[in-house]
Amino acid sequence: MGTARTRANNKWNAKAYDRVNLVFKKDTSPTKEEVQAAADAAGESLNGYIVGAVKQRMERDSAGEVDE
């Protein structure tokens, strides 16, 4: 059992955030290391970089643009 602070943090996180488990295959691009390097180069956290990419894709899709 954790401390009161840990329990409070876990309660807050459960209320404030949704979790998504993202899996990268080790021998297929992009790898986690490649995405981490791109996030570092952009001056962003890995999470921020991925969330930004998802937002960008959603905006593009809603504008009717199609990826090939």
PDB file of N, CA and C in Angstrom:
ATOM      1  N   MET A   1       0.840  -1.175   0.000  1.00  0.00           N
ATOM      2  CA  MET A   1       0.000   0.000   0.000  1.00  0.00           C
ATOM      3  C   MET A   1       0.888   1.243   0.000  1.00  0.00           C
ATOM      4  N   GLY A   2       0.530   2.250  -0.781  1.00  0.00           N
ATOM      5  CA  GLY A   2       1.342   3.442  -0.901  1.00  0.00           C
ATOM      6  C   GLY A   2       1.040   4.465   0.173  1.00  0.00           C
ATOM      7  N   THR A   3       1.775   5.540   0.126  1.00  0.00           N
ATOM      8  CA  THR A   3       1.552   6.623   1.075  1.00  0.00           C
ATOM      9  C   THR A   3       0.291   7.374   0.697  1.00  0.00           C
ATOM     10  N   ALA A   4      -0.148   8.249   1.581  1.00  0.00           N
ATOM     11  CA  ALA A   4      -1.348   9.050   1.318  1.00  0.00           C
ATOM     12  C   ALA A   4      -1.141   9.917   0.087  1.00  0.00           C
ATOM     13  N   ARG A   5       0.058  10.449  -0.076  1.00  0.00           N
ATOM     14  CA  ARG A   5       0.346  11.297  -1.239  1.00  0.00           C
ATOM     15  C   ARG A   5       0.251  10.497  -2.539  1.00  0.00           C
ATOM     16  N   THR A   6       0.801   9.297  -2.542  1.00  0.00           N
ATOM     17  CA  THR A   6       0.741   8.441  -3.726  1.00  0.00           C
ATOM     18  C   THR A   6      -0.701   8.111  -4.071  1.00  0.00           C
ATOM     19  N   ARG A   7      -1.484   7.775  -3.072  1.00  0.00           N
ATOM     20  CA  ARG A   7      -2.893   7.479  -3.309  1.00  0.00           C
ATOM     21  C   ARG A   7      -3.620   8.700  -3.859  1.00  0.00           C
ATOM     22  N   ALA A   8      -3.331   9.869  -3.312  1.00  0.00           N
ATOM     23  CA  ALA A   8      -3.967  11.103  -3.797  1.00  0.00           C
ATOM     24  C   ALA A   8      -3.557  11.388  -5.237  1.00  0.00           C
ATOM     25  N   ASN A   9      -2.275  11.211  -5.558  1.00  0.00           N
ATOM     26  CA  ASN A   9      -1.797  11.420  -6.933  1.00  0.00           C
ATOM     27  C   ASN A   9      -2.463  10.438  -7.890  1.00  0.00           C
ATOM     28  N   ASN A  10      -2.560   9.188  -7.503  1.00  0.00           N
ATOM     29  CA  ASN A  10      -3.195   8.187  -8.357  1.00  0.00           C
ATOM     30  C   ASN A  10      -4.670   8.509  -8.572  1.00  0.00           C
ATOM     31  N   LYS A  11      -5.342   8.975  -7.527  1.00  0.00           N
ATOM     32  CA  LYS A  11      -6.752   9.345  -7.645  1.00  0.00           C
ATOM     33  C   LYS A  11      -6.913  10.513  -8.615  1.00  0.00           C
ATOM     34  N   TRP A  12      -6.038  11.519  -8.493  1.00  0.00           N
ATOM     35  CA  TRP A  12      -6.082  12.680  -9.388  1.00  0.00           C
ATOM     36  C   TRP A  12      -5.806  12.255 -10.831  1.00  0.00           C
ATOM     37  N   ASN A  13      -4.785  11.459 -11.041  1.00  0.00           N
ATOM     38  CA  ASN A  13      -4.441  11.008 -12.388  1.00  0.00           C
ATOM     39  C   ASN A  13      -5.581  10.230 -13.023  1.00  0.00           C
ATOM     40  N   ALA A  14      -6.242   9.383 -12.255  1.00  0.00           N
ATOM     41  CA  ALA A  14      -7.368   8.609 -12.788  1.00  0.00           C
ATOM     42  C   ALA A  14      -8.515   9.521 -13.189  1.00  0.00           C
ATOM     43  N   LYS A  15      -8.695  10.609 -12.455  1.00  0.00           N
ATOM     44  CA  LYS A  15      -9.780  11.547 -12.740  1.00  0.00           C
ATOM     45  C   LYS A  15      -9.441  12.479 -13.896  1.00  0.00           C
ATOM     46  N   ALA A  16      -8.190  12.884 -14.014  1.00  0.00           N
ATOM     47  CA  ALA A  16      -7.801  13.945 -14.943  1.00  0.00           C
ATOM     48  C   ALA A  16      -7.246  13.457 -16.278  1.00  0.00           C
ATOM     49  N   TYR A  17      -6.806  12.216 -16.358  1.00  0.00           N
ATOM     50  CA  TYR A  17      -6.126  11.746 -17.559  1.00  0.00           C
ATOM     51  C   TYR A  17      -6.711  10.435 -18.067  1.00  0.00           C
ATOM     52  N   ASP A  18      -6.656  10.258 -19.383  1.00  0.00           N
ATOM     53  CA  ASP A  18      -6.943   8.962 -20.001  1.00  0.00           C
ATOM     54  C   ASP A  18      -5.611   8.346 -20.402  1.00  0.00           C
ATOM     55  N   ARG A  19      -5.490   7.064 -20.256  1.00  0.00           N
ATOM     56  CA  ARG A  19      -4.262   6.358 -20.619  1.00  0.00           C
ATOM     57  C   ARG A  19      -4.461   5.571 -21.896  1.00  0.00           C
ATOM     58  N   VAL A  20      -3.417   5.552 -22.724  1.00  0.00           N
ATOM     59  CA  VAL A  20      -3.389   4.742 -23.929  1.00  0.00           C
ATOM     60  C   VAL A  20      -2.043   4.028 -23.939  1.00  0.00           C
ATOM     61  N   ASN A  21      -2.076   2.726 -24.124  1.00  0.00           N
ATOM     62  CA  ASN A  21      -0.847   1.952 -24.191  1.00  0.00           C
ATOM     63  C   ASN A  21      -0.412   1.889 -25.655  1.00  0.00           C
ATOM     64  N   LEU A  22       0.722   2.472 -25.962  1.00  0.00           N
ATOM     65  CA  LEU A  22       1.232   2.531 -27.315  1.00  0.00           C
ATOM     66  C   LEU A  22       2.396   1.554 -27.438  1.00  0.00           C
ATOM     67  N   VAL A  23       2.378   0.735 -28.481  1.00  0.00           N
ATOM     68  CA  VAL A  23       3.399  -0.295 -28.658  1.00  0.00           C
ATOM     69  C   VAL A  23       4.100  -0.083 -29.994  1.00  0.00           C
ATOM     70  N   PHE A  24       5.437  -0.039 -29.956  1.00  0.00           N
ATOM     71  CA  PHE A  24       6.253   0.061 -31.166  1.00  0.00           C
ATOM     72  C   PHE A  24       6.974  -1.261 -31.365  1.00  0.00           C
ATOM     73  N   LYS A  25       6.921  -1.805 -32.558  1.00  0.00           N
ATOM     74  CA  LYS A  25       7.668  -3.013 -32.859  1.00  0.00           C
ATOM     75  C   LYS A  25       9.145  -2.642 -32.982  1.00  0.00           C
ATOM     76  N   LYS A  26      10.012  -3.414 -32.361  1.00  0.00           N
ATOM     77  CA  LYS A  26      11.432  -3.065 -32.276  1.00  0.00           C
ATOM     78  C   LYS A  26      12.149  -3.014 -33.616  1.00  0.00           C
ATOM     79  N   ASP A  27      11.767  -3.853 -34.561  1.00  0.00           N
ATOM     80  CA  ASP A  27      12.521  -3.917 -35.819  1.00  0.00           C
ATOM     81  C   ASP A  27      11.791  -3.259 -36.988  1.00  0.00           C
ATOM     82  N   THR A  28      10.792  -2.414 -36.693  1.00  0.00           N
ATOM     83  CA  THR A  28      10.024  -1.756 -37.742  1.00  0.00           C
ATOM     84  C   THR A  28       9.968  -0.253 -37.457  1.00  0.00           C
ATOM     85  N   SER A  29      10.221   0.550 -38.482  1.00  0.00           N
ATOM     86  CA  SER A  29      10.190   1.997 -38.316  1.00  0.00           C
ATOM     87  C   SER A  29       8.752   2.488 -38.310  1.00  0.00           C
ATOM     88  N   PRO A  30       8.374   3.408 -37.449  1.00  0.00           N
ATOM     89  CA  PRO A  30       9.245   4.085 -36.498  1.00  0.00           C
ATOM     90  C   PRO A  30       9.395   3.277 -35.208  1.00  0.00           C
ATOM     91  N   THR A  31      10.588   3.290 -34.680  1.00  0.00           N
ATOM     92  CA  THR A  31      10.842   2.661 -33.387  1.00  0.00           C
ATOM     93  C   THR A  31      10.653   3.720 -32.308  1.00  0.00           C
ATOM     94  N   LYS A  32      10.555   3.280 -31.079  1.00  0.00           N
ATOM     95  CA  LYS A  32      10.439   4.209 -29.955  1.00  0.00           C
ATOM     96  C   LYS A  32      11.631   5.163 -29.948  1.00  0.00           C
ATOM     97  N   GLU A  33      12.807   4.642 -30.219  1.00  0.00           N
ATOM     98  CA  GLU A  33      14.010   5.474 -30.208  1.00  0.00           C
ATOM     99  C   GLU A  33      13.950   6.550 -31.290  1.00  0.00           C
ATOM    100  N   GLU A  34      13.416   6.212 -32.465  1.00  0.00           N
ATOM    101  CA  GLU A  34      13.280   7.201 -33.539  1.00  0.00           C
ATOM    102  C   GLU A  34      12.284   8.298 -33.163  1.00  0.00           C
ATOM    103  N   VAL A  35      11.172   7.894 -32.567  1.00  0.00           N
ATOM    104  CA  VAL A  35      10.168   8.876 -32.165  1.00  0.00           C
ATOM    105  C   VAL A  35      10.712   9.736 -31.027  1.00  0.00           C
ATOM    106  N   GLN A  36      11.420   9.126 -30.088  1.00  0.00           N
ATOM    107  CA  GLN A  36      12.025   9.887 -28.988  1.00  0.00           C
ATOM    108  C   GLN A  36      13.029  10.891 -29.524  1.00  0.00           C
ATOM    109  N   ALA A  37      13.840  10.504 -30.493  1.00  0.00           N
ATOM    110  CA  ALA A  37      14.818  11.410 -31.093  1.00  0.00           C
ATOM    111  C   ALA A  37      14.118  12.581 -31.789  1.00  0.00           C
ATOM    112  N   ALA A  38      13.020  12.312 -32.488  1.00  0.00           N
ATOM    113  CA  ALA A  38      12.263  13.373 -33.154  1.00  0.00           C
ATOM    114  C   ALA A  38      11.653  14.314 -32.123  1.00  0.00           C
ATOM    115  N   ALA A  39      11.138  13.767 -31.024  1.00  0.00           N
ATOM    116  CA  ALA A  39      10.574  14.596 -29.958  1.00  0.00           C
ATOM    117  C   ALA A  39      11.657  15.460 -29.328  1.00  0.00           C
ATOM    118  N   ASP A  40      12.818  14.874 -29.065  1.00  0.00           N
ATOM    119  CA  ASP A  40      13.938  15.633 -28.507  1.00  0.00           C
ATOM    120  C   ASP A  40      14.349  16.765 -29.437  1.00  0.00           C
ATOM    121  N   ALA A  41      14.438  16.476 -30.747  1.00  0.00           N
ATOM    122  CA  ALA A  41      14.824  17.481 -31.730  1.00  0.00           C
ATOM    123  C   ALA A  41      13.807  18.619 -31.788  1.00  0.00           C
ATOM    124  N   ALA A  42      12.542  18.302 -31.518  1.00  0.00           N
ATOM    125  CA  ALA A  42      11.483  19.315 -31.524  1.00  0.00           C
ATOM    126  C   ALA A  42      11.368  20.024 -30.176  1.00  0.00           C
ATOM    127  N   GLY A  43      12.155  19.572 -29.199  1.00  0.00           N
ATOM    128  CA  GLY A  43      12.109  20.181 -27.870  1.00  0.00           C
ATOM    129  C   GLY A  43      10.841  19.827 -27.106  1.00  0.00           C
ATOM    130  N   GLU A  44      10.295  18.646 -27.372  1.00  0.00           N
ATOM    131  CA  GLU A  44       9.057  18.214 -26.729  1.00  0.00           C
ATOM    132  C   GLU A  44       9.278  16.905 -25.986  1.00  0.00           C
ATOM    133  N   SER A  45       8.371  16.622 -25.060  1.00  0.00           N
ATOM    134  CA  SER A  45       8.383  15.311 -24.412  1.00  0.00           C
ATOM    135  C   SER A  45       7.857  14.293 -25.415  1.00  0.00           C
ATOM    136  N   LEU A  46       8.125  13.035 -25.159  1.00  0.00           N
ATOM    137  CA  LEU A  46       7.619  11.972 -26.026  1.00  0.00           C
ATOM    138  C   LEU A  46       6.095  12.019 -26.064  1.00  0.00           C
ATOM    139  N   ASN A  47       5.473  12.165 -24.894  1.00  0.00           N
ATOM    140  CA  ASN A  47       4.013  12.225 -24.829  1.00  0.00           C
ATOM    141  C   ASN A  47       3.481  13.434 -25.603  1.00  0.00           C
ATOM    142  N   GLY A  48       4.083  14.593 -25.394  1.00  0.00           N
ATOM    143  CA  GLY A  48       3.637  15.797 -26.096  1.00  0.00           C
ATOM    144  C   GLY A  48       3.773  15.674 -27.598  1.00  0.00           C
ATOM    145  N   TYR A  49       4.852  15.058 -28.041  1.00  0.00           N
ATOM    146  CA  TYR A  49       5.091  14.865 -29.470  1.00  0.00           C
ATOM    147  C   TYR A  49       4.027  13.954 -30.079  1.00  0.00           C
ATOM    148  N   ILE A  50       3.723  12.856 -29.405  1.00  0.00           N
ATOM    149  CA  ILE A  50       2.735  11.910 -29.918  1.00  0.00           C
ATOM    150  C   ILE A  50       1.342  12.534 -29.909  1.00  0.00           C
ATOM    151  N   VAL A  51       0.980  13.217 -28.822  1.00  0.00           N
ATOM    152  CA  VAL A  51      -0.330  13.869 -28.755  1.00  0.00           C
ATOM    153  C   VAL A  51      -0.449  14.917 -29.860  1.00  0.00           C
ATOM    154  N   GLY A  52       0.627  15.679 -30.105  1.00  0.00           N
ATOM    155  CA  GLY A  52       0.616  16.674 -31.182  1.00  0.00           C
ATOM    156  C   GLY A  52       0.432  16.032 -32.546  1.00  0.00           C
ATOM    157  N   ALA A  53       1.083  14.904 -32.754  1.00  0.00           N
ATOM    158  CA  ALA A  53       0.940  14.196 -34.033  1.00  0.00           C
ATOM    159  C   ALA A  53      -0.484  13.694 -34.226  1.00  0.00           C
ATOM    160  N   VAL A  54      -1.089  13.197 -33.169  1.00  0.00           N
ATOM    161  CA  VAL A  54      -2.472  12.712 -33.254  1.00  0.00           C
ATOM    162  C   VAL A  54      -3.415  13.876 -33.552  1.00  0.00           C
ATOM    163  N   LYS A  55      -3.228  15.001 -32.859  1.00  0.00           N
ATOM    164  CA  LYS A  55      -4.064  16.185 -33.112  1.00  0.00           C
ATOM    165  C   LYS A  55      -3.937  16.644 -34.553  1.00  0.00           C
ATOM    166  N   GLN A  56      -2.698  16.700 -35.052  1.00  0.00           N
ATOM    167  CA  GLN A  56      -2.450  17.134 -36.426  1.00  0.00           C
ATOM    168  C   GLN A  56      -3.153  16.209 -37.417  1.00  0.00           C
ATOM    169  N   ARG A  57      -3.077  14.915 -37.185  1.00  0.00           N
ATOM    170  CA  ARG A  57      -3.728  13.945 -38.071  1.00  0.00           C
ATOM    171  C   ARG A  57      -5.240  14.098 -38.026  1.00  0.00           C
ATOM    172  N   MET A  58      -5.785  14.289 -36.832  1.00  0.00           N
ATOM    173  CA  MET A  58      -7.233  14.449 -36.693  1.00  0.00           C
ATOM    174  C   MET A  58      -7.718  15.711 -37.406  1.00  0.00           C
ATOM    175  N   GLU A  59      -6.959  16.804 -37.295  1.00  0.00           N
ATOM    176  CA  GLU A  59      -7.321  18.042 -37.988  1.00  0.00           C
ATOM    177  C   GLU A  59      -7.275  17.852 -39.493  1.00  0.00           C
ATOM    178  N   ARG A  60      -6.245  17.171 -39.968  1.00  0.00           N
ATOM    179  CA  ARG A  60      -6.091  16.901 -41.398  1.00  0.00           C
ATOM    180  C   ARG A  60      -7.245  16.032 -41.904  1.00  0.00           C
ATOM    181  N   ASP A  61      -7.578  14.990 -41.137  1.00  0.00           N
ATOM    182  CA  ASP A  61      -8.666  14.093 -41.528  1.00  0.00           C
ATOM    183  C   ASP A  61     -10.005  14.810 -41.544  1.00  0.00           C
ATOM    184  N   SER A  62     -10.235  15.675 -40.585  1.00  0.00           N
ATOM    185  CA  SER A  62     -11.520  16.379 -40.537  1.00  0.00           C
ATOM    186  C   SER A  62     -11.632  17.431 -41.637  1.00  0.00           C
ATOM    187  N   ALA A  63     -10.485  17.865 -42.173  1.00  0.00           N
ATOM    188  CA  ALA A  63     -10.484  18.832 -43.281  1.00  0.00           C
ATOM    189  C   ALA A  63     -10.649  18.127 -44.626  1.00  0.00           C
ATOM    190  N   GLY A  64     -10.733  16.803 -44.612  1.00  0.00           N
ATOM    191  CA  GLY A  64     -10.952  16.050 -45.837  1.00  0.00           C
ATOM    192  C   GLY A  64      -9.704  15.638 -46.562  1.00  0.00           C
ATOM    193  N   GLU A  65      -8.533  15.902 -45.956  1.00  0.00           N
ATOM    194  CA  GLU A  65      -7.285  15.474 -46.595  1.00  0.00           C
ATOM    195  C   GLU A  65      -7.108  13.987 -46.356  1.00  0.00           C
ATOM    196  N   VAL A  66      -6.483  13.309 -47.312  1.00  0.00           N
ATOM    197  CA  VAL A  66      -6.328  11.858 -47.221  1.00  0.00           C
ATOM    198  C   VAL A  66      -4.849  11.504 -47.343  1.00  0.00           C
ATOM    199  N   ASP A  67      -4.383  10.632 -46.453  1.00  0.00           N
ATOM    200  CA  ASP A  67      -3.019  10.106 -46.551  1.00  0.00           C
ATOM    201  C   ASP A  67      -2.979   9.028 -47.600  1.00  0.00           C
ATOM    202  N   GLU A  68      -1.852   8.906 -48.270  1.00  0.00           N
ATOM    203  CA  GLU A  68      -1.692   7.829 -49.255  1.00  0.00           C
ATOM    204  C   GLU A  68      -0.864   6.727 -48.696  1.00  0.00           C
TER     205      GLU A  68
END
